[in-house]
Each structure stands twice: as structure tokens, then as C-alpha cells.
C-alpha atoms as a PDB file:
ATOM      1  CA  MET A   1     -66.247  66.501  98.159  1.00  0.00           C
ATOM      2  CA  THR A   2     -70.069  67.104  97.917  1.00  0.00           C
ATOM      3  CA  VAL A   3     -70.729  70.750 100.013  1.00  0.00           C
ATOM      4  CA  THR A   4     -73.908  70.846 102.190  1.00  0.00           C
ATOM      5  CA  ASN A   5     -75.937  73.591 103.712  1.00  0.00           C
ATOM      6  CA  PRO A   6     -76.957  73.082 107.231  1.00  0.00           C
ATOM      7  CA  THR A   7     -79.909  71.238 106.236  1.00  0.00           C
ATOM      8  CA  GLY A   8     -78.422  68.257 105.323  1.00  0.00           C
ATOM      9  CA  GLN A   9     -79.174  69.153 101.328  1.00  0.00           C
ATOM     10  CA  ARG A  10     -76.766  70.043  98.300  1.00  0.00           C
ATOM     11  CA  PRO A  11     -77.278  73.318  97.558  1.00  0.00           C
ATOM     12  CA  ASP A  12     -77.669  72.521  93.844  1.00  0.00           C
ATOM     13  CA  ALA A  13     -80.909  70.347  95.168  1.00  0.00           C
ATOM     14  CA  GLY A  14     -84.097  71.934  93.906  1.00  0.00           C
ATOM     15  CA  PRO A  15     -87.924  70.660  94.546  1.00  0.00           C
ATOM     16  CA  VAL A  16     -86.770  67.261  93.133  1.00  0.00           C
ATOM     17  CA  ALA A  17     -84.431  66.361  95.637  1.00  0.00           C
ATOM     18  CA  ALA A  18     -86.898  68.027  98.219  1.00  0.00           C
ATOM     19  CA  GLY A  19     -89.355  65.606  97.413  1.00  0.00           C
ATOM     20  CA  ALA A  20     -86.880  62.877  97.092  1.00  0.00           C
ATOM     21  CA  ALA A  21     -86.208  63.610 100.596  1.00  0.00           C
ATOM     22  CA  GLY A  22     -89.508  63.212 101.557  1.00  0.00           C
ATOM     23  CA  GLN A  23     -90.742  66.975 102.062  1.00  0.00           C
ATOM     24  CA  SER A  24     -93.071  68.918  99.906  1.00  0.00           C
ATOM     25  CA  PRO A  25     -91.561  71.201  97.558  1.00  0.00           C
ATOM     26  CA  GLY A  26     -93.303  74.348  99.251  1.00  0.00           C
ATOM     27  CA  PHE A  27     -91.908  73.311 102.622  1.00  0.00           C
ATOM     28  CA  GLY A  28     -87.696  73.563 102.417  1.00  0.00           C
ATOM     29  CA  ALA A  29     -88.035  76.752 104.005  1.00  0.00           C
ATOM     30  CA  PRO A  30     -86.994  77.860 107.483  1.00  0.00           C
ATOM     31  CA  GLY A  31     -89.250  78.013 110.078  1.00  0.00           C
ATOM     32  CA  GLY A  32     -91.830  75.991 108.101  1.00  0.00           C
ATOM     33  CA  ALA A  33     -92.981  78.901 105.822  1.00  0.00           C
ATOM     34  CA  ALA A  34     -94.225  77.745 102.342  1.00  0.00           C
ATOM     35  CA  ARG A  35     -92.617  78.894  99.779  1.00  0.00           C
ATOM     36  CA  VAL A  36     -94.843  79.247  96.494  1.00  0.00           C
ATOM     37  CA  VAL A  37     -93.146  78.417  93.440  1.00  0.00           C
ATOM     38  CA  ARG A  38     -94.636  79.947  90.668  1.00  0.00           C
ATOM     39  CA  PRO A  39     -94.152  78.175  87.396  1.00  0.00           C
ATOM     40  CA  VAL A  40     -92.314  80.086  84.459  1.00  0.00           C
ATOM     41  CA  ARG A  41     -94.395  81.345  81.899  1.00  0.00           C
ATOM     42  CA  LYS A  42     -93.411  80.344  78.195  1.00  0.00           C
ATOM     43  CA  ARG A  43     -93.938  82.991  75.887  1.00  0.00           C
ATOM     44  CA  GLY A  44     -95.383  81.904  72.439  1.00  0.00           C
ATOM     45  CA  LYS A  45     -92.941  81.244  69.516  1.00  0.00           C
ATOM     46  CA  SER A  46     -92.476  84.414  67.544  1.00  0.00           C
ATOM     47  CA  PRO A  47     -91.330  84.305  63.888  1.00  0.00           C
ATOM     48  CA  PHE A  48     -87.946  85.015  64.877  1.00  0.00           C
ATOM     49  CA  ASP A  49     -87.212  82.297  66.925  1.00  0.00           C
ATOM     50  CA  SER A  50     -84.793  80.906  64.568  1.00  0.00           C
ATOM     51  CA  SER A  51     -80.570  80.478  65.124  1.00  0.00           C
ATOM     52  CA  ARG A  52     -80.648  83.262  61.951  1.00  0.00           C
ATOM     53  CA  SER A  53     -82.444  86.434  62.340  1.00  0.00           C
ATOM     54  CA  TYR A  54     -82.410  90.276  62.229  1.00  0.00           C
ATOM     55  CA  VAL A  55     -84.177  90.491  65.774  1.00  0.00           C
ATOM     56  CA  SER A  56     -82.664  88.591  68.703  1.00  0.00           C
ATOM     57  CA  GLU A  57     -84.269  86.798  71.484  1.00  0.00           C
ATOM     58  CA  ASN A  58     -83.491  89.455  74.108  1.00  0.00           C
ATOM     59  CA  ASP A  59     -84.991  92.383  71.644  1.00  0.00           C
ATOM     60  CA  TRP A  60     -87.618  90.327  71.035  1.00  0.00           C
ATOM     61  CA  ARG A  61     -88.868  90.567  74.444  1.00  0.00           C
ATOM     62  CA  ASN A  62     -88.649  94.325  74.800  1.00  0.00           C
ATOM     63  CA  PRO A  63     -92.191  95.392  74.535  1.00  0.00           C
ATOM     64  CA  ARG A  64     -91.017  98.239  72.211  1.00  0.00           C
ATOM     65  CA  VAL A  65     -89.403  96.133  69.811  1.00  0.00           C
ATOM     66  CA  ARG A  66     -92.166  93.888  69.178  1.00  0.00           C
ATOM     67  CA  ILE A  67     -94.669  96.607  68.654  1.00  0.00           C
ATOM     68  CA  VAL A  68     -92.771  98.342  65.979  1.00  0.00           C
ATOM     69  CA  MET A  69     -91.840  94.726  64.071  1.00  0.00           C
ATOM     70  CA  LYS A  70     -95.787  94.182  64.454  1.00  0.00           C
ATOM     71  CA  ALA A  71     -96.448  97.322  63.317  1.00  0.00           C
ATOM     72  CA  LEU A  72     -93.653  97.199  60.347  1.00  0.00           C
ATOM     73  CA  HIS A  73     -95.340  93.586  59.343  1.00  0.00           C
ATOM     74  CA  ALA A  74     -98.745  95.236  58.937  1.00  0.00           C
ATOM     75  CA  LEU A  75     -97.076  97.962  57.318  1.00  0.00           C
ATOM     76  CA  LEU A  76     -95.879  95.369  54.805  1.00  0.00           C
ATOM     77  CA  LEU A  77     -99.090  93.431  54.384  1.00  0.00           C
ATOM     78  CA  VAL A  78    -100.940  96.733  53.350  1.00  0.00           C
ATOM     79  CA  MET A  79     -98.526  97.578  51.026  1.00  0.00           C
ATOM     80  CA  LEU A  80     -98.298  94.340  49.150  1.00  0.00           C
ATOM     81  CA  LEU A  81    -101.979  94.139  49.180  1.00  0.00           C
ATOM     82  CA  VAL A  82    -102.146  97.932  47.472  1.00  0.00           C
ATOM     83  CA  VAL A  83     -99.608  96.874  44.964  1.00  0.00           C
ATOM     84  CA  GLY A  84    -100.603  93.703  44.108  1.00  0.00           C
ATOM     85  CA  ILE A  85    -104.722  93.788  44.060  1.00  0.00           C
ATOM     86  CA  GLY A  86    -104.508  97.132  43.687  1.00  0.00           C
ATOM     87  CA  PRO A  87    -104.407  97.389  40.195  1.00  0.00           C
ATOM     88  CA  MET A  88    -106.436  94.658  39.336  1.00  0.00           C
ATOM     89  CA  LEU A  89    -109.387  95.833  41.691  1.00  0.00           C
ATOM     90  CA  LEU A  90    -108.947  99.080  39.781  1.00  0.00           C
ATOM     91  CA  LEU A  91    -109.561  97.710  36.825  1.00  0.00           C
ATOM     92  CA  ALA A  92    -112.973  95.746  38.123  1.00  0.00           C
ATOM     93  CA  LYS A  93    -114.077  98.931  39.027  1.00  0.00           C
ATOM     94  CA  TYR A  94    -112.910 100.908  35.813  1.00  0.00           C
ATOM     95  CA  ALA A  95    -114.720  98.455  33.904  1.00  0.00           C
ATOM     96  CA  ILE A  96    -118.464  98.925  35.048  1.00  0.00           C
ATOM     97  CA  THR A  97    -117.857 103.046  35.616  1.00  0.00           C
ATOM     98  CA  PRO A  98    -119.040 105.453  32.952  1.00  0.00           C
ATOM     99  CA  THR A  99    -115.860 106.991  30.895  1.00  0.00           C
ATOM    100  CA  GLN A 100    -116.542 110.521  31.933  1.00  0.00           C
ATOM    101  CA  ASP A 101    -116.002 109.504  35.190  1.00  0.00           C
ATOM    102  CA  ILE A 102    -112.969 107.346  34.905  1.00  0.00           C
ATOM    103  CA  ILE A 103    -111.379 110.835  33.447  1.00  0.00           C
ATOM    104  CA  ARG A 104    -112.974 113.547  35.350  1.00  0.00           C
ATOM    105  CA  THR A 105    -112.953 111.349  38.794  1.00  0.00           C
ATOM    106  CA  PRO A 106    -110.827 107.945  38.589  1.00  0.00           C
ATOM    107  CA  LEU A 107    -110.509 107.430  42.026  1.00  0.00           C
ATOM    108  CA  ALA A 108    -114.039 108.297  43.127  1.00  0.00           C
ATOM    109  CA  ILE A 109    -116.481 105.361  44.174  1.00  0.00           C
ATOM    110  CA  PHE A 110    -119.125 105.218  41.500  1.00  0.00           C
ATOM    111  CA  PRO A 111    -119.908 109.070  41.829  1.00  0.00           C
ATOM    112  CA  ASN A 112    -122.514 108.576  38.986  1.00  0.00           C
ATOM    113  CA  GLY A 113    -123.808 104.921  39.317  1.00  0.00           C
ATOM    114  CA  VAL A 114    -122.857 101.589  37.792  1.00  0.00           C
ATOM    115  CA  ARG A 115    -122.900 100.987  33.880  1.00  0.00           C
ATOM    116  CA  TRP A 116    -122.746  97.587  33.356  1.00  0.00           C
ATOM    117  CA  GLU A 117    -123.500  97.987  29.789  1.00  0.00           C
ATOM    118  CA  ASN A 118    -119.612  98.169  29.215  1.00  0.00           C
ATOM    119  CA  ILE A 119    -119.264  94.752  29.805  1.00  0.00           C
ATOM    120  CA  SER A 120    -122.302  93.767  27.366  1.00  0.00           C
ATOM    121  CA  GLU A 121    -120.625  96.252  24.835  1.00  0.00           C
ATOM    122  CA  ALA A 122    -117.259  94.788  25.117  1.00  0.00           C
ATOM    123  CA  TRP A 123    -118.145  91.324  24.555  1.00  0.00           C
ATOM    124  CA  ASN A 124    -120.846  91.420  22.068  1.00  0.00           C
ATOM    125  CA  ASP A 125    -119.933  95.123  19.921  1.00  0.00           C
ATOM    126  CA  VAL A 126    -116.347  94.796  19.806  1.00  0.00           C
ATOM    127  CA  GLN A 127    -116.840  90.811  19.708  1.00  0.00           C
ATOM    128  CA  ILE A 128    -114.474  90.326  22.684  1.00  0.00           C
ATOM    129  CA  SER A 129    -115.976  86.957  22.858  1.00  0.00           C
ATOM    130  CA  LYS A 130    -114.543  85.536  19.387  1.00  0.00           C
ATOM    131  CA  TYR A 131    -111.054  86.982  20.741  1.00  0.00           C
ATOM    132  CA  PHE A 132    -111.732  85.399  24.220  1.00  0.00           C
ATOM    133  CA  LEU A 133    -112.417  81.716  22.649  1.00  0.00           C
ATOM    134  CA  ASN A 134    -109.582  82.240  19.751  1.00  0.00           C
ATOM    135  CA  THR A 135    -106.422  83.199  23.181  1.00  0.00           C
ATOM    136  CA  ILE A 136    -108.579  79.961  25.173  1.00  0.00           C
ATOM    137  CA  TRP A 137    -107.698  77.819  21.975  1.00  0.00           C
ATOM    138  CA  LEU A 138    -104.482  79.059  21.730  1.00  0.00           C
ATOM    139  CA  ALA A 139    -103.462  78.563  25.294  1.00  0.00           C
ATOM    140  CA  ALA A 140    -104.863  75.698  25.597  1.00  0.00           C
ATOM    141  CA  GLY A 141    -102.567  74.108  22.590  1.00  0.00           C
ATOM    142  CA  SER A 142     -99.440  75.775  23.647  1.00  0.00           C
ATOM    143  CA  TRP A 143    -100.543  74.475  27.216  1.00  0.00           C
ATOM    144  CA  PHE A 144    -100.295  70.609  25.787  1.00  0.00           C
ATOM    145  CA  VAL A 145     -97.408  71.000  23.299  1.00  0.00           C
ATOM    146  CA  GLN A 146     -95.169  72.456  26.316  1.00  0.00           C
ATOM    147  CA  MET A 147     -96.631  70.014  28.794  1.00  0.00           C
ATOM    148  CA  LEU A 148     -95.749  67.062  26.285  1.00  0.00           C
ATOM    149  CA  VAL A 149     -92.214  68.267  25.470  1.00  0.00           C
ATOM    150  CA  ALA A 150     -91.078  69.503  29.242  1.00  0.00           C
ATOM    151  CA  THR A 151     -92.705  66.260  30.656  1.00  0.00           C
ATOM    152  CA  THR A 152     -90.888  63.119  28.413  1.00  0.00           C
ATOM    153  CA  GLY A 153     -87.494  65.163  27.682  1.00  0.00           C
ATOM    154  CA  GLY A 154     -87.428  65.587  31.670  1.00  0.00           C
ATOM    155  CA  PHE A 155     -87.964  62.283  32.026  1.00  0.00           C
ATOM    156  CA  VAL A 156     -85.532  61.183  29.558  1.00  0.00           C
ATOM    157  CA  LEU A 157     -83.072  62.933  30.700  1.00  0.00           C
ATOM    158  CA  SER A 158     -83.696  62.190  34.877  1.00  0.00           C
ATOM    159  CA  VAL A 159     -85.106  58.572  34.606  1.00  0.00           C
ATOM    160  CA  LEU A 160     -83.707  56.969  31.487  1.00  0.00           C
ATOM    161  CA  ARG A 161     -80.661  58.832  31.386  1.00  0.00           C
ATOM    162  CA  PRO A 162     -79.069  57.321  28.269  1.00  0.00           C
ATOM    163  CA  ALA A 163     -75.639  57.645  27.253  1.00  0.00           C
ATOM    164  CA  TRP A 164     -75.997  60.872  25.416  1.00  0.00           C
ATOM    165  CA  GLY A 165     -77.996  62.555  27.891  1.00  0.00           C
ATOM    166  CA  LYS A 166     -75.508  64.865  29.862  1.00  0.00           C
ATOM    167  CA  VAL A 167     -74.551  66.301  26.528  1.00  0.00           C
ATOM    168  CA  VAL A 168     -78.215  66.643  25.291  1.00  0.00           C
ATOM    169  CA  TYR A 169     -78.725  68.336  28.899  1.00  0.00           C
ATOM    170  CA  SER A 170     -75.753  71.045  27.992  1.00  0.00           C
ATOM    171  CA  LEU A 171     -77.468  71.526  25.007  1.00  0.00           C
ATOM    172  CA  VAL A 172     -80.859  72.484  26.335  1.00  0.00           C
ATOM    173  CA  VAL A 173     -79.290  75.253  28.811  1.00  0.00           C
ATOM    174  CA  ALA A 174     -77.125  76.587  26.351  1.00  0.00           C
ATOM    175  CA  THR A 175     -80.134  77.620  24.604  1.00  0.00           C
ATOM    176  CA  LEU A 176     -81.465  79.680  27.683  1.00  0.00           C
ATOM    177  CA  PHE A 177     -78.283  81.998  26.834  1.00  0.00           C
ATOM    178  CA  VAL A 178     -79.729  83.140  23.596  1.00  0.00           C
ATOM    179  CA  PRO A 179     -82.381  85.754  23.193  1.00  0.00           C
ATOM    180  CA  SER A 180     -85.515  85.147  22.108  1.00  0.00           C
ATOM    181  CA  VAL A 181     -85.402  87.765  19.608  1.00  0.00           C
ATOM    182  CA  VAL A 182     -82.816  86.632  17.580  1.00  0.00           C
ATOM    183  CA  LEU A 183     -84.888  83.364  16.962  1.00  0.00           C
ATOM    184  CA  LEU A 184     -88.051  85.230  15.237  1.00  0.00           C
ATOM    185  CA  VAL A 185     -86.290  85.693  11.782  1.00  0.00           C
ATOM    186  CA  PRO A 186     -85.269  81.832  11.498  1.00  0.00           C
ATOM    187  CA  LEU A 187     -88.545  80.331  13.205  1.00  0.00           C
ATOM    188  CA  TYR A 188     -90.376  82.531  10.898  1.00  0.00           C
ATOM    189  CA  LEU A 189     -88.913  81.312   7.702  1.00  0.00           C
ATOM    190  CA  THR A 190     -89.184  77.963   9.187  1.00  0.00           C
ATOM    191  CA  ILE A 191     -92.875  77.864   9.670  1.00  0.00           C
ATOM    192  CA  LEU A 192     -93.083  80.059   6.592  1.00  0.00           C
ATOM    193  CA  ASN A 193     -91.710  76.943   4.986  1.00  0.00           C
ATOM    194  CA  PRO A 194     -91.792  73.778   6.916  1.00  0.00           C
ATOM    195  CA  PRO A 195     -89.406  71.290   5.945  1.00  0.00           C
ATOM    196  CA  VAL A 196     -91.447  68.487   6.231  1.00  0.00           C
ATOM    197  CA  VAL A 197     -94.900  69.382   5.782  1.00  0.00           C
ATOM    198  CA  GLY A 198     -94.247  71.357   2.638  1.00  0.00           C
ATOM    199  CA  THR A 199     -97.061  73.862   3.630  1.00  0.00           C
ATOM    200  CA  SER A 200     -97.313  77.324   5.219  1.00  0.00           C
ATOM    201  CA  MET A 201     -98.450  77.226   8.655  1.00  0.00           C
ATOM    202  CA  ILE A 202     -98.747  81.073   8.935  1.00  0.00           C
ATOM    203  CA  ASN A 203    -102.370  81.671   9.638  1.00  0.00           C
ATOM    204  CA  SER A 204    -102.562  78.554  11.299  1.00  0.00           C
ATOM    205  CA  PHE A 205    -102.616  77.817  15.179  1.00  0.00           C
ATOM    206  CA  TRP A 206    -100.461  75.329  14.627  1.00  0.00           C
ATOM    207  CA  ALA A 207     -97.681  77.827  13.698  1.00  0.00           C
ATOM    208  CA  VAL A 208     -98.024  79.060  17.346  1.00  0.00           C
ATOM    209  CA  TRP A 209     -98.585  75.802  19.097  1.00  0.00           C
ATOM    210  CA  LEU A 210     -95.651  73.774  17.871  1.00  0.00           C
ATOM    211  CA  PRO A 211     -92.730  76.381  18.483  1.00  0.00           C
ATOM    212  CA  SER A 212     -94.355  77.094  21.948  1.00  0.00           C
ATOM    213  CA  GLY A 213     -93.008  73.247  22.613  1.00  0.00           C
ATOM    214  CA  ALA A 214     -89.437  74.444  22.428  1.00  0.00           C
ATOM    215  CA  SER A 215     -89.241  75.722  26.092  1.00  0.00           C
ATOM    216  CA  ALA A 216     -85.727  74.796  27.359  1.00  0.00           C
ATOM    217  CA  PHE A 217     -86.609  76.439  30.881  1.00  0.00           C
ATOM    218  CA  ASN A 218     -89.659  74.087  31.264  1.00  0.00           C
ATOM    219  CA  VAL A 219     -87.849  71.245  30.299  1.00  0.00           C
ATOM    220  CA  VAL A 220     -84.687  72.130  32.341  1.00  0.00           C
ATOM    221  CA  LEU A 221     -87.247  73.092  35.182  1.00  0.00           C
ATOM    222  CA  MET A 222     -88.987  69.376  34.887  1.00  0.00           C
ATOM    223  CA  THR A 223     -85.644  67.820  34.818  1.00  0.00           C
ATOM    224  CA  ARG A 224     -84.256  69.015  37.647  1.00  0.00           C
ATOM    225  CA  PHE A 225     -87.646  67.662  40.052  1.00  0.00           C
ATOM    226  CA  PHE A 226     -87.297  64.256  38.221  1.00  0.00           C
ATOM    227  CA  ASP A 227     -83.517  64.028  39.731  1.00  0.00           C
ATOM    228  CA  GLY A 228     -85.155  64.753  43.197  1.00  0.00           C
ATOM    229  CA  LEU A 229     -87.661  61.489  43.171  1.00  0.00           C
ATOM    230  CA  PRO A 230     -86.425  58.628  45.037  1.00  0.00           C
ATOM    231  CA  ARG A 231     -84.633  56.178  42.462  1.00  0.00           C
ATOM    232  CA  GLU A 232     -85.706  52.896  44.688  1.00  0.00           C
ATOM    233  CA  VAL A 233     -89.227  53.277  43.287  1.00  0.00           C
ATOM    234  CA  PHE A 234     -88.100  53.514  39.651  1.00  0.00           C
ATOM    235  CA  GLU A 235     -86.016  50.526  40.059  1.00  0.00           C
ATOM    236  CA  ALA A 236     -88.875  48.363  42.154  1.00  0.00           C
ATOM    237  CA  ALA A 237     -90.952  49.055  39.061  1.00  0.00           C
ATOM    238  CA  LYS A 238     -88.617  47.882  37.244  1.00  0.00           C
ATOM    239  CA  VAL A 239     -88.193  45.376  38.850  1.00  0.00           C
ATOM    240  CA  ASP A 240     -92.037  44.441  38.529  1.00  0.00           C
ATOM    241  CA  GLY A 241     -91.472  44.381  34.759  1.00  0.00           C
ATOM    242  CA  ALA A 242     -93.050  47.866  34.372  1.00  0.00           C
ATOM    243  CA  SER A 243     -92.087  49.199  30.783  1.00  0.00           C
ATOM    244  CA  SER A 244     -90.698  53.193  29.971  1.00  0.00           C
ATOM    245  CA  PHE A 245     -94.407  54.131  29.026  1.00  0.00           C
ATOM    246  CA  ARG A 246     -95.902  52.797  32.307  1.00  0.00           C
ATOM    247  CA  LEU A 247     -93.285  54.199  34.542  1.00  0.00           C
ATOM    248  CA  PHE A 248     -94.027  57.494  32.897  1.00  0.00           C
ATOM    249  CA  TRP A 249     -97.666  57.619  33.200  1.00  0.00           C
ATOM    250  CA  SER A 250     -98.419  55.422  35.706  1.00  0.00           C
ATOM    251  CA  ILE A 251     -95.652  56.568  38.537  1.00  0.00           C
ATOM    252  CA  VAL A 252     -93.306  59.887  37.369  1.00  0.00           C
ATOM    253  CA  LEU A 253     -96.213  61.744  36.650  1.00  0.00           C
ATOM    254  CA  PRO A 254     -98.722  61.253  39.906  1.00  0.00           C
ATOM    255  CA  MET A 255     -95.529  62.101  42.131  1.00  0.00           C
ATOM    256  CA  SER A 256     -94.968  64.970  40.003  1.00  0.00           C
ATOM    257  CA  LYS A 257     -98.243  67.173  40.327  1.00  0.00           C
ATOM    258  CA  PRO A 258     -96.381  70.138  42.255  1.00  0.00           C
ATOM    259  CA  ILE A 259     -94.175  70.689  39.260  1.00  0.00           C
ATOM    260  CA  LEU A 260     -96.779  69.950  36.955  1.00  0.00           C
ATOM    261  CA  GLY A 261     -98.818  72.762  38.374  1.00  0.00           C
ATOM    262  CA  VAL A 262     -95.980  75.073  38.011  1.00  0.00           C
ATOM    263  CA  VAL A 263     -95.319  74.330  34.342  1.00  0.00           C
ATOM    264  CA  SER A 264     -98.644  74.700  33.590  1.00  0.00           C
ATOM    265  CA  VAL A 265     -99.458  78.161  34.946  1.00  0.00           C
ATOM    266  CA  PHE A 266     -95.887  79.383  33.571  1.00  0.00           C
ATOM    267  CA  ALA A 267     -97.385  77.885  30.200  1.00  0.00           C
ATOM    268  CA  THR A 268    -100.766  79.035  30.326  1.00  0.00           C
ATOM    269  CA  ILE A 269     -99.766  82.775  31.339  1.00  0.00           C
ATOM    270  CA  ALA A 270     -97.097  82.854  28.870  1.00  0.00           C
ATOM    271  CA  SER A 271     -99.425  81.944  25.901  1.00  0.00           C
ATOM    272  CA  TRP A 272    -102.237  83.947  27.155  1.00  0.00           C
ATOM    273  CA  LYS A 273    -100.136  87.062  26.841  1.00  0.00           C
ATOM    274  CA  ASP A 274     -97.670  86.955  23.849  1.00  0.00           C
ATOM    275  CA  PHE A 275     -97.916  89.761  21.746  1.00  0.00           C
ATOM    276  CA  LEU A 276     -95.700  89.760  19.052  1.00  0.00           C
ATOM    277  CA  TRP A 277     -95.359  86.216  17.736  1.00  0.00           C
ATOM    278  CA  PRO A 278     -99.003  85.903  17.486  1.00  0.00           C
ATOM    279  CA  MET A 279     -99.136  89.291  15.738  1.00  0.00           C
ATOM    280  CA  LEU A 280     -96.882  87.909  13.113  1.00  0.00           C
ATOM    281  CA  VAL A 281     -98.028  84.911  11.794  1.00  0.00           C
ATOM    282  CA  LEU A 282    -101.523  85.010  12.386  1.00  0.00           C
ATOM    283  CA  LYS A 283    -102.720  87.701   9.858  1.00  0.00           C
ATOM    284  CA  ASP A 284    -106.159  86.981   9.905  1.00  0.00           C
ATOM    285  CA  THR A 285    -107.730  89.361  12.444  1.00  0.00           C
ATOM    286  CA  ALA A 286    -110.693  86.496  13.096  1.00  0.00           C
ATOM    287  CA  LYS A 287    -108.145  84.480  14.179  1.00  0.00           C
ATOM    288  CA  GLN A 288    -106.082  86.654  16.625  1.00  0.00           C
ATOM    289  CA  PRO A 289    -105.689  86.554  20.462  1.00  0.00           C
ATOM    290  CA  LEU A 290    -106.831  89.330  22.863  1.00  0.00           C
ATOM    291  CA  SER A 291    -103.362  90.333  22.992  1.00  0.00           C
ATOM    292  CA  VAL A 292    -103.085  90.924  19.432  1.00  0.00           C
ATOM    293  CA  ARG A 293    -106.819  92.332  19.362  1.00  0.00           C
ATOM    294  CA  LEU A 294    -106.936  94.805  22.406  1.00  0.00           C
ATOM    295  CA  PRO A 295    -104.084  97.147  21.116  1.00  0.00           C
ATOM    296  CA  ALA A 296    -105.410  97.115  17.492  1.00  0.00           C
ATOM    297  CA  ILE A 297    -109.309  98.314  18.717  1.00  0.00           C
ATOM    298  CA  ALA A 298    -107.942 100.789  21.731  1.00  0.00           C
ATOM    299  CA  SER A 299    -107.982 104.082  19.742  1.00  0.00           C
ATOM    300  CA  GLN A 300    -111.741 103.051  18.229  1.00  0.00           C
ATOM    301  CA  THR A 301    -113.412 101.978  21.243  1.00  0.00           C
ATOM    302  CA  ASP A 302    -114.586 103.724  24.209  1.00  0.00           C
ATOM    303  CA  LEU A 303    -112.782 103.894  27.304  1.00  0.00           C
ATOM    304  CA  GLY A 304    -114.831 102.400  29.260  1.00  0.00           C
ATOM    305  CA  VAL A 305    -115.490  99.728  27.101  1.00  0.00           C
ATOM    306  CA  PHE A 306    -112.105  98.852  26.593  1.00  0.00           C
ATOM    307  CA  LEU A 307    -111.377  98.568  29.810  1.00  0.00           C
ATOM    308  CA  ALA A 308    -114.061  96.502  29.986  1.00  0.00           C
ATOM    309  CA  ALA A 309    -112.755  94.429  27.494  1.00  0.00           C
ATOM    310  CA  LEU A 310    -109.239  93.984  29.665  1.00  0.00           C
ATOM    311  CA  ALA A 311    -110.984  92.733  32.537  1.00  0.00           C
ATOM    312  CA  ILE A 312    -112.439  90.248  30.458  1.00  0.00           C
ATOM    313  CA  SER A 313    -108.922  89.346  29.106  1.00  0.00           C
ATOM    314  CA  THR A 314    -107.770  88.965  33.077  1.00  0.00           C
ATOM    315  CA  LEU A 315    -109.940  86.355  34.327  1.00  0.00           C
ATOM    316  CA  ILE A 316    -108.839  83.067  32.634  1.00  0.00           C
ATOM    317  CA  PRO A 317    -105.280  83.977  34.182  1.00  0.00           C
ATOM    318  CA  ILE A 318    -106.717  84.812  37.432  1.00  0.00           C
ATOM    319  CA  VAL A 319    -108.648  81.603  37.791  1.00  0.00           C
ATOM    320  CA  PHE A 320    -106.011  79.531  36.470  1.00  0.00           C
ATOM    321  CA  PHE A 321    -103.570  81.011  38.986  1.00  0.00           C
ATOM    322  CA  ILE A 322    -106.063  80.069  41.711  1.00  0.00           C
ATOM    323  CA  ALA A 323    -106.358  76.813  40.875  1.00  0.00           C
ATOM    324  CA  PHE A 324    -103.076  75.968  40.954  1.00  0.00           C
ATOM    325  CA  GLN A 325    -101.683  78.047  43.801  1.00  0.00           C
ATOM    326  CA  ARG A 326    -102.067  75.291  46.152  1.00  0.00           C
ATOM    327  CA  LEU A 327     -99.467  73.128  43.936  1.00  0.00           C
ATOM    328  CA  PHE A 328     -96.808  75.246  44.075  1.00  0.00           C
ATOM    329  CA  LEU A 329     -95.267  74.812  47.903  1.00  0.00           C
ATOM    330  CA  SER A 330     -97.307  71.303  48.029  1.00  0.00           C
ATOM    331  CA  GLY A 331     -95.184  67.843  48.257  1.00  0.00           C
ATOM    332  CA  ALA A 332     -98.280  65.707  48.374  1.00  0.00           C
ATOM    333  CA  GLY A 333     -97.003  64.426  45.244  1.00  0.00           C
ATOM    334  CA  LEU A 334     -94.203  62.598  46.793  1.00  0.00           C
ATOM    335  CA  GLY A 335     -96.363  61.312  49.953  1.00  0.00           C
ATOM    336  CA  GLY A 336     -96.118  57.310  50.469  1.00  0.00           C
ATOM    337  CA  ALA A 337     -93.309  57.205  47.608  1.00  0.00           C
ATOM    338  CA  VAL A 338     -91.211  55.280  49.778  1.00  0.00           C
ATOM    339  CA  LYS A 339     -91.961  52.804  52.851  1.00  0.00           C
ATOM    340  CA  GLY A 340     -89.900  51.829  55.135  1.00  0.00           C
END
């Protein structure tokens, strides 16, 4: 049974029902007075509009809560900038500050001017240029070896999937639980007397490059990423007659740009800051990287020049990270892989 009001309309009939009866939505009031229907203002989507958040929808409508939350966001952003960028900016300031100003007024902004000679003395007199080049060579070789082992190992374990793949993967994961310090002595003895080469690799860049490839973390990371790639593409390539190398080079690697960028950054930064192993196997000071030589010359170098050398040593990791930061969360490598 439908209940109607004296005007002949149902109680739940709104402007739509009135318009359907040939009346304007604004003239349904008694006496013919126009009724103004104000549109409902929609609030902009807030970052807390989700089913799970620590601020409810009703609380977010409260102006006081909204102001407090925005103030907390601004404070958190400032703290992150101070903690993350503050040390790098302070190091850049010290690199061009006279030593006496660094000691007396470390937080003052150039009270006695700028001393650009710190950079030139660090580059030429302290021979940072030579150690800088050594570090680049070590980082480039370590990056190549780690990428080669990680990509090929992940490809075999994830895409080819041999019968013994699960056993090998379990052994690789098990090595993650072995402390790296425990492996220093056997690894040093292996480099000292290699089983196949027979010639000691001490004071050779190969002593740093080859052990860096044994990174189980990169292999596991690459394997897990390859597991998420669409296998329909691999099957279609095999049907078209693609070989394993063609499948690896032309299909898997182009689809894996995000993980390649992540592993590249990890490998480069790990090699750039490595101290203990290069110090053990590179006895010749002419072949040592910055991570080994900078602590050795700290007591013999002027403080301003030494801080300039530290600032120079941070350039490559910063530039490398900025160049690959967009690949961390980028999913463009999977675009267009599967049609339909």
C-alpha cells in the first residue's frame, strides 16, 4: 500500500518525481512559492578517505582536527628534511668553510667568507682524484658482476625452472642467515690461492669484483620479481621459437627495469661504502678506494680539506640515486606486456 500526501505524491518523491509530473522542482511548495534547492558541496578528497585510517571521516570534517593534522604533517615533513638532507647540506657547507670557522662557529653561515681552495687542495694535494677513480672502477666492476649473477640466477630459478631449482633456491636463501664476518677468513684464503687460476689475486681489483657477485640477497630479490612477470609472454615467445638467451635478453630484461634500477643502486652504494674487504685484499695504497684512504689520511690532513674530500666522495652515490629513484616505484616495465 502506498501512502500519498495531499498533493498526490509519495512522501519519498523528490525533485525527480515532481519533474516527472510536469512540475518544476522549485515550485512544489504550497502557495506556489519557489523553493531553492541548494547543491550539496562536496568536500575534497582527503588522504584519510579510506576504510582503514587513524582519523575517521567525521573527525576529519572537524576544522580543529583538520588543522592539527595538517600541522603535524608539516612538522613531520620538516623533521624528515632536517634528518635526511641536513647532514648533506652541512657537509657541503663545511667543504668550503675555513678550518677555524668550522672549529669555532660550526653552525654559522660563512662568518669569514668562503674558502674554495679546500676543494682544489683535496682533489690535487691529497690525491683524492686518484682514489676517486679507483672507487669508480671498483664500483663499476662490482655492479657488473652482481647484475650478471643476479639476473642470470633469477632467470634460471624463476623463468626456466629446472628440476633442481627449488633445492638451489633454498640453499641460496640459507646463505642469508650466515654472518658475513664468518666468511672473511675462508674467502681471504680463496683469494690468496684461487683453485682454478692458481695465482694470488691480492692487490688486484678482481679480488673485490668476484666476491661481490656472491650476493644471495640480489638473487632472491631478482627471482621474486621474475616470479611476478606474466608467464603467458614467456610461453608465447617459446612457441614463436625464441631461445633461452633471446627470452632473457629481449623479453625478461626489458620488463624488469624497476628491479634492475633497485639492484643497481644497492650494488653501487654497497661497493662504494665497503671498507673492510678492500682494506684486506688491496695492500697497495695506489689501488685503494676512498673508503679505505680517507680514514687513513684523516689525522694528517687539514680539517677543512678533509671535509671537502668527504663531500667529493658522496657525489657519485647521490647522483646515482637521483638517476634511478624513479625506477623504484615505476611499473612501466610491465606496460603492454599482455594484450587482451
